[in-house]
C-alpha atoms as a PDB file:
ATOM      1  CA  MET A   1      55.714  94.105  45.113  1.00  0.00           C
ATOM      2  CA  SER A   2      52.739  95.944  43.640  1.00  0.00           C
ATOM      3  CA  ASP A   3      53.444  94.406  40.201  1.00  0.00           C
ATOM      4  CA  VAL A   4      53.376  90.925  41.745  1.00  0.00           C
ATOM      5  CA  LYS A   5      50.154  91.680  43.582  1.00  0.00           C
ATOM      6  CA  ASP A   6      48.552  93.080  40.411  1.00  0.00           C
ATOM      7  CA  GLN A   7      49.586  89.973  38.455  1.00  0.00           C
ATOM      8  CA  TYR A   8      47.922  87.589  40.906  1.00  0.00           C
ATOM      9  CA  GLU A   9      44.838  89.786  41.280  1.00  0.00           C
ATOM     10  CA  ALA A  10      44.339  89.543  37.527  1.00  0.00           C
ATOM     11  CA  TYR A  11      45.414  85.905  37.217  1.00  0.00           C
ATOM     12  CA  PRO A  12      44.998  83.916  40.468  1.00  0.00           C
ATOM     13  CA  TYR A  13      47.412  80.992  40.399  1.00  0.00           C
ATOM     14  CA  PRO A  14      47.077  78.183  39.867  1.00  0.00           C
ATOM     15  CA  GLU A  15      43.782  78.586  38.039  1.00  0.00           C
ATOM     16  CA  ARG A  16      41.141  76.609  39.934  1.00  0.00           C
ATOM     17  CA  ASP A  17      37.336  76.471  39.851  1.00  0.00           C
ATOM     18  CA  PRO A  18      35.897  75.879  43.339  1.00  0.00           C
ATOM     19  CA  ARG A  19      33.015  73.909  41.784  1.00  0.00           C
ATOM     20  CA  ASP A  20      35.552  71.201  40.893  1.00  0.00           C
ATOM     21  CA  GLU A  21      36.032  70.471  44.608  1.00  0.00           C
ATOM     22  CA  ALA A  22      32.909  68.291  44.506  1.00  0.00           C
ATOM     23  CA  LYS A  23      34.599  65.829  42.161  1.00  0.00           C
ATOM     24  CA  ARG A  24      38.340  65.840  42.776  1.00  0.00           C
ATOM     25  CA  LEU A  25      41.191  66.532  45.145  1.00  0.00           C
ATOM     26  CA  ILE A  26      44.364  67.883  43.615  1.00  0.00           C
ATOM     27  CA  THR A  27      47.008  65.716  45.253  1.00  0.00           C
ATOM     28  CA  GLY A  28      50.696  65.319  45.109  1.00  0.00           C
ATOM     29  CA  SER A  29      53.848  66.276  46.818  1.00  0.00           C
ATOM     30  CA  PRO A  30      54.130  68.092  49.147  1.00  0.00           C
ATOM     31  CA  SER A  31      51.326  68.858  51.625  1.00  0.00           C
ATOM     32  CA  ASP A  32      50.843  65.201  52.405  1.00  0.00           C
ATOM     33  CA  PRO A  33      51.055  64.585  56.168  1.00  0.00           C
ATOM     34  CA  ARG A  34      53.146  61.451  55.611  1.00  0.00           C
ATOM     35  CA  GLU A  35      55.775  63.424  53.704  1.00  0.00           C
ATOM     36  CA  ILE A  36      55.743  66.225  56.270  1.00  0.00           C
ATOM     37  CA  ASP A  37      56.243  63.683  59.033  1.00  0.00           C
ATOM     38  CA  HIS A  38      59.018  61.854  57.166  1.00  0.00           C
ATOM     39  CA  PHE A  39      61.030  64.795  55.854  1.00  0.00           C
ATOM     40  CA  LEU A  40      60.649  67.208  58.768  1.00  0.00           C
ATOM     41  CA  PHE A  41      59.969  65.111  61.852  1.00  0.00           C
ATOM     42  CA  GLY A  42      61.730  61.838  61.132  1.00  0.00           C
ATOM     43  CA  GLY A  43      58.439  59.942  61.330  1.00  0.00           C
ATOM     44  CA  THR A  44      57.983  60.827  64.999  1.00  0.00           C
ATOM     45  CA  ARG A  45      55.322  63.584  64.984  1.00  0.00           C
ATOM     46  CA  ASP A  46      52.413  62.968  67.362  1.00  0.00           C
ATOM     47  CA  TRP A  47      49.418  63.469  65.049  1.00  0.00           C
ATOM     48  CA  THR A  48      46.965  63.408  67.949  1.00  0.00           C
ATOM     49  CA  LYS A  49      48.205  66.945  68.672  1.00  0.00           C
ATOM     50  CA  PRO A  50      46.959  69.734  66.398  1.00  0.00           C
ATOM     51  CA  LEU A  51      49.256  70.637  63.525  1.00  0.00           C
ATOM     52  CA  ARG A  52      49.702  74.413  63.338  1.00  0.00           C
ATOM     53  CA  ALA A  53      50.532  75.096  59.704  1.00  0.00           C
ATOM     54  CA  LEU A  54      51.267  78.244  57.713  1.00  0.00           C
ATOM     55  CA  PHE A  55      50.812  78.508  53.958  1.00  0.00           C
ATOM     56  CA  ALA A  56      52.790  81.617  53.045  1.00  0.00           C
ATOM     57  CA  GLY A  57      51.848  82.812  49.587  1.00  0.00           C
ATOM     58  CA  GLY A  58      49.122  80.178  49.526  1.00  0.00           C
ATOM     59  CA  GLY A  59      47.771  81.096  46.094  1.00  0.00           C
ATOM     60  CA  THR A  60      44.504  79.410  45.189  1.00  0.00           C
ATOM     61  CA  GLY A  61      45.067  76.826  47.893  1.00  0.00           C
ATOM     62  CA  ASP A  62      46.271  73.524  46.436  1.00  0.00           C
ATOM     63  CA  GLY A  63      48.608  72.740  49.329  1.00  0.00           C
ATOM     64  CA  LEU A  64      46.363  73.894  52.127  1.00  0.00           C
ATOM     65  CA  ILE A  65      43.278  72.171  50.674  1.00  0.00           C
ATOM     66  CA  GLN A  66      45.141  68.893  50.316  1.00  0.00           C
ATOM     67  CA  LEU A  67      46.579  69.029  53.833  1.00  0.00           C
ATOM     68  CA  ALA A  68      43.290  70.075  55.456  1.00  0.00           C
ATOM     69  CA  GLN A  69      41.316  67.436  53.530  1.00  0.00           C
ATOM     70  CA  LEU A  70      43.722  64.614  54.391  1.00  0.00           C
ATOM     71  CA  LEU A  71      43.862  65.590  58.071  1.00  0.00           C
ATOM     72  CA  SER A  72      40.073  65.964  58.212  1.00  0.00           C
ATOM     73  CA  ALA A  73      39.569  62.553  56.607  1.00  0.00           C
ATOM     74  CA  ALA A  74      41.991  61.020  59.132  1.00  0.00           C
ATOM     75  CA  LYS A  75      40.199  62.862  61.962  1.00  0.00           C
ATOM     76  CA  ARG A  76      43.434  64.602  62.971  1.00  0.00           C
ATOM     77  CA  PRO A  77      43.330  68.096  64.491  1.00  0.00           C
ATOM     78  CA  TYR A  78      44.814  71.063  62.660  1.00  0.00           C
ATOM     79  CA  ASP A  79      44.923  74.840  62.617  1.00  0.00           C
ATOM     80  CA  ILE A  80      45.994  76.274  59.269  1.00  0.00           C
ATOM     81  CA  THR A  81      46.819  79.903  58.506  1.00  0.00           C
ATOM     82  CA  TYR A  82      46.846  81.130  54.930  1.00  0.00           C
ATOM     83  CA  ILE A  83      48.548  84.372  53.858  1.00  0.00           C
ATOM     84  CA  ASP A  84      48.689  85.768  50.325  1.00  0.00           C
ATOM     85  CA  LEU A  85      48.986  89.247  48.799  1.00  0.00           C
ATOM     86  CA  SER A  86      46.214  88.536  46.291  1.00  0.00           C
ATOM     87  CA  LYS A  87      42.587  88.986  47.319  1.00  0.00           C
ATOM     88  CA  ALA A  88      41.548  87.144  44.151  1.00  0.00           C
ATOM     89  CA  SER A  89      43.683  84.090  44.981  1.00  0.00           C
ATOM     90  CA  ARG A  90      42.443  84.166  48.561  1.00  0.00           C
ATOM     91  CA  ALA A  91      38.818  84.240  47.383  1.00  0.00           C
ATOM     92  CA  VAL A  92      39.390  81.094  45.309  1.00  0.00           C
ATOM     93  CA  ALA A  93      41.148  79.315  48.203  1.00  0.00           C
ATOM     94  CA  GLU A  94      38.363  80.253  50.627  1.00  0.00           C
ATOM     95  CA  ALA A  95      35.666  79.104  48.204  1.00  0.00           C
ATOM     96  CA  ARG A  96      37.449  75.777  47.741  1.00  0.00           C
ATOM     97  CA  ALA A  97      37.657  75.234  51.508  1.00  0.00           C
ATOM     98  CA  LYS A  98      33.981  76.140  51.873  1.00  0.00           C
ATOM     99  CA  MET A  99      32.968  73.699  49.105  1.00  0.00           C
ATOM    100  CA  ARG A 100      34.706  70.917  51.055  1.00  0.00           C
ATOM    101  CA  GLY A 101      33.367  71.989  54.446  1.00  0.00           C
ATOM    102  CA  LEU A 102      36.902  72.408  55.782  1.00  0.00           C
ATOM    103  CA  SER A 103      37.222  74.322  59.008  1.00  0.00           C
ATOM    104  CA  CYS A 104      40.117  75.412  61.200  1.00  0.00           C
ATOM    105  CA  ILE A 105      41.592  77.547  58.422  1.00  0.00           C
ATOM    106  CA  SER A 106      42.097  81.284  58.858  1.00  0.00           C
ATOM    107  CA  PHE A 107      42.577  83.343  55.719  1.00  0.00           C
ATOM    108  CA  HIS A 108      44.578  86.588  55.614  1.00  0.00           C
ATOM    109  CA  THR A 109      45.457  88.972  52.822  1.00  0.00           C
ATOM    110  CA  GLY A 110      48.967  90.239  53.402  1.00  0.00           C
ATOM    111  CA  SER A 111      52.671  89.674  53.111  1.00  0.00           C
ATOM    112  CA  LEU A 112      54.549  86.581  54.224  1.00  0.00           C
ATOM    113  CA  LEU A 113      57.025  89.030  55.742  1.00  0.00           C
ATOM    114  CA  ASP A 114      54.434  89.490  58.517  1.00  0.00           C
ATOM    115  CA  ALA A 115      54.129  85.749  59.183  1.00  0.00           C
ATOM    116  CA  ALA A 116      55.543  85.950  62.719  1.00  0.00           C
ATOM    117  CA  GLU A 117      52.454  87.913  63.783  1.00  0.00           C
ATOM    118  CA  PHE A 118      50.423  84.725  63.281  1.00  0.00           C
ATOM    119  CA  GLY A 119      52.870  82.138  64.637  1.00  0.00           C
ATOM    120  CA  PRO A 120      54.441  80.112  65.970  1.00  0.00           C
ATOM    121  CA  PHE A 121      53.809  77.244  63.583  1.00  0.00           C
ATOM    122  CA  ASP A 122      54.805  73.584  63.506  1.00  0.00           C
ATOM    123  CA  TYR A 123      54.965  73.582  59.718  1.00  0.00           C
ATOM    124  CA  ASN A 124      55.613  76.435  57.284  1.00  0.00           C
ATOM    125  CA  ASP A 125      54.935  75.851  53.599  1.00  0.00           C
ATOM    126  CA  CYS A 126      56.151  78.327  50.989  1.00  0.00           C
ATOM    127  CA  CYS A 127      55.811  77.228  47.370  1.00  0.00           C
ATOM    128  CA  GLY A 128      56.981  79.319  44.432  1.00  0.00           C
ATOM    129  CA  VAL A 129      56.877  82.609  46.316  1.00  0.00           C
ATOM    130  CA  LEU A 130      60.270  83.702  47.595  1.00  0.00           C
ATOM    131  CA  HIS A 131      61.617  84.596  44.156  1.00  0.00           C
ATOM    132  CA  HIS A 132      59.026  87.395  43.986  1.00  0.00           C
ATOM    133  CA  LEU A 133      60.587  89.198  46.955  1.00  0.00           C
ATOM    134  CA  PRO A 134      63.205  91.918  46.451  1.00  0.00           C
ATOM    135  CA  ASP A 135      65.421  89.877  48.816  1.00  0.00           C
ATOM    136  CA  PRO A 136      64.401  86.221  49.288  1.00  0.00           C
ATOM    137  CA  ALA A 137      66.562  86.081  52.424  1.00  0.00           C
ATOM    138  CA  ASP A 138      64.048  88.434  54.068  1.00  0.00           C
ATOM    139  CA  GLY A 139      61.359  85.840  53.343  1.00  0.00           C
ATOM    140  CA  PHE A 140      63.406  83.044  54.897  1.00  0.00           C
ATOM    141  CA  SER A 141      64.010  85.176  57.974  1.00  0.00           C
ATOM    142  CA  ALA A 142      60.318  86.039  58.299  1.00  0.00           C
ATOM    143  CA  LEU A 143      59.307  82.402  57.993  1.00  0.00           C
ATOM    144  CA  ARG A 144      61.956  81.376  60.512  1.00  0.00           C
ATOM    145  CA  GLY A 145      60.489  83.942  62.905  1.00  0.00           C
ATOM    146  CA  ALA A 146      57.085  82.286  62.507  1.00  0.00           C
ATOM    147  CA  LEU A 147      58.357  78.764  63.198  1.00  0.00           C
ATOM    148  CA  SER A 148      58.142  77.032  66.571  1.00  0.00           C
ATOM    149  CA  PRO A 149      61.464  75.741  67.961  1.00  0.00           C
ATOM    150  CA  GLU A 150      60.439  72.165  67.114  1.00  0.00           C
ATOM    151  CA  GLY A 151      58.861  73.082  63.776  1.00  0.00           C
ATOM    152  CA  GLY A 152      59.920  72.535  60.204  1.00  0.00           C
ATOM    153  CA  ALA A 153      59.619  74.365  56.902  1.00  0.00           C
ATOM    154  CA  ARG A 154      59.150  73.287  53.315  1.00  0.00           C
ATOM    155  CA  PHE A 155      60.292  75.505  50.456  1.00  0.00           C
ATOM    156  CA  TYR A 156      59.812  75.019  46.749  1.00  0.00           C
ATOM    157  CA  GLY A 157      61.201  77.064  43.904  1.00  0.00           C
ATOM    158  CA  LEU A 158      64.571  78.642  44.554  1.00  0.00           C
ATOM    159  CA  CYS A 159      65.940  75.744  46.525  1.00  0.00           C
ATOM    160  CA  ALA A 160      68.751  74.982  44.119  1.00  0.00           C
ATOM    161  CA  VAL A 161      70.037  78.499  44.744  1.00  0.00           C
ATOM    162  CA  TRP A 162      68.976  78.950  48.359  1.00  0.00           C
ATOM    163  CA  THR A 163      69.419  75.534  50.002  1.00  0.00           C
ATOM    164  CA  VAL A 164      72.423  76.655  52.028  1.00  0.00           C
ATOM    165  CA  ARG A 165      70.510  79.749  53.131  1.00  0.00           C
ATOM    166  CA  CYS A 166      67.483  77.583  54.034  1.00  0.00           C
ATOM    167  CA  LEU A 167      69.564  75.399  56.273  1.00  0.00           C
ATOM    168  CA  SER A 168      71.127  78.362  57.998  1.00  0.00           C
ATOM    169  CA  VAL A 169      67.793  79.917  58.995  1.00  0.00           C
ATOM    170  CA  ALA A 170      65.622  76.889  59.692  1.00  0.00           C
ATOM    171  CA  GLY A 171      66.651  73.905  61.783  1.00  0.00           C
ATOM    172  CA  ARG A 172      64.401  71.472  59.936  1.00  0.00           C
ATOM    173  CA  VAL A 173      63.913  72.218  56.286  1.00  0.00           C
ATOM    174  CA  TRP A 174      62.644  70.382  53.268  1.00  0.00           C
ATOM    175  CA  CYS A 175      63.564  71.888  49.930  1.00  0.00           C
ATOM    176  CA  ALA A 176      61.813  70.458  46.910  1.00  0.00           C
ATOM    177  CA  ALA A 177      63.046  71.546  43.499  1.00  0.00           C
END
């Protein structure tokens, strides 16, 4: 894992300039509360209750910034935890959140394998990360351990290969390929 960490220390991904936060929001799928509600909660989530979300391998923060910004704009409560191995990526994500005045986000440098220490979460988001692990199944297990019984997870990347595994470790799962 040290090679992966070194790569993202040298080249935080995706490349983002926090100064751009003043003029644009990088949007898309996923990390849109409407999609989270539809795909994971069947359109029945009570958004007056705080959403506890985990961004495991959060990179430079596209997903967490979008979710926090949309929930803030809608005046919906949230508590987001960000974990990434890269201090450089974390610094970019933190600077982006600061530029937007987003609160209720805690930033941690570390491994997603330790996610349960921060949980439980209503929503776990893991985008383009699990393939870096020696055994992606360990990542699924760790994220399952960080999920509340009623929670749901969204994976992106290895889903074509790991969809069956996803469904066996998480009750509600959304795999985007």
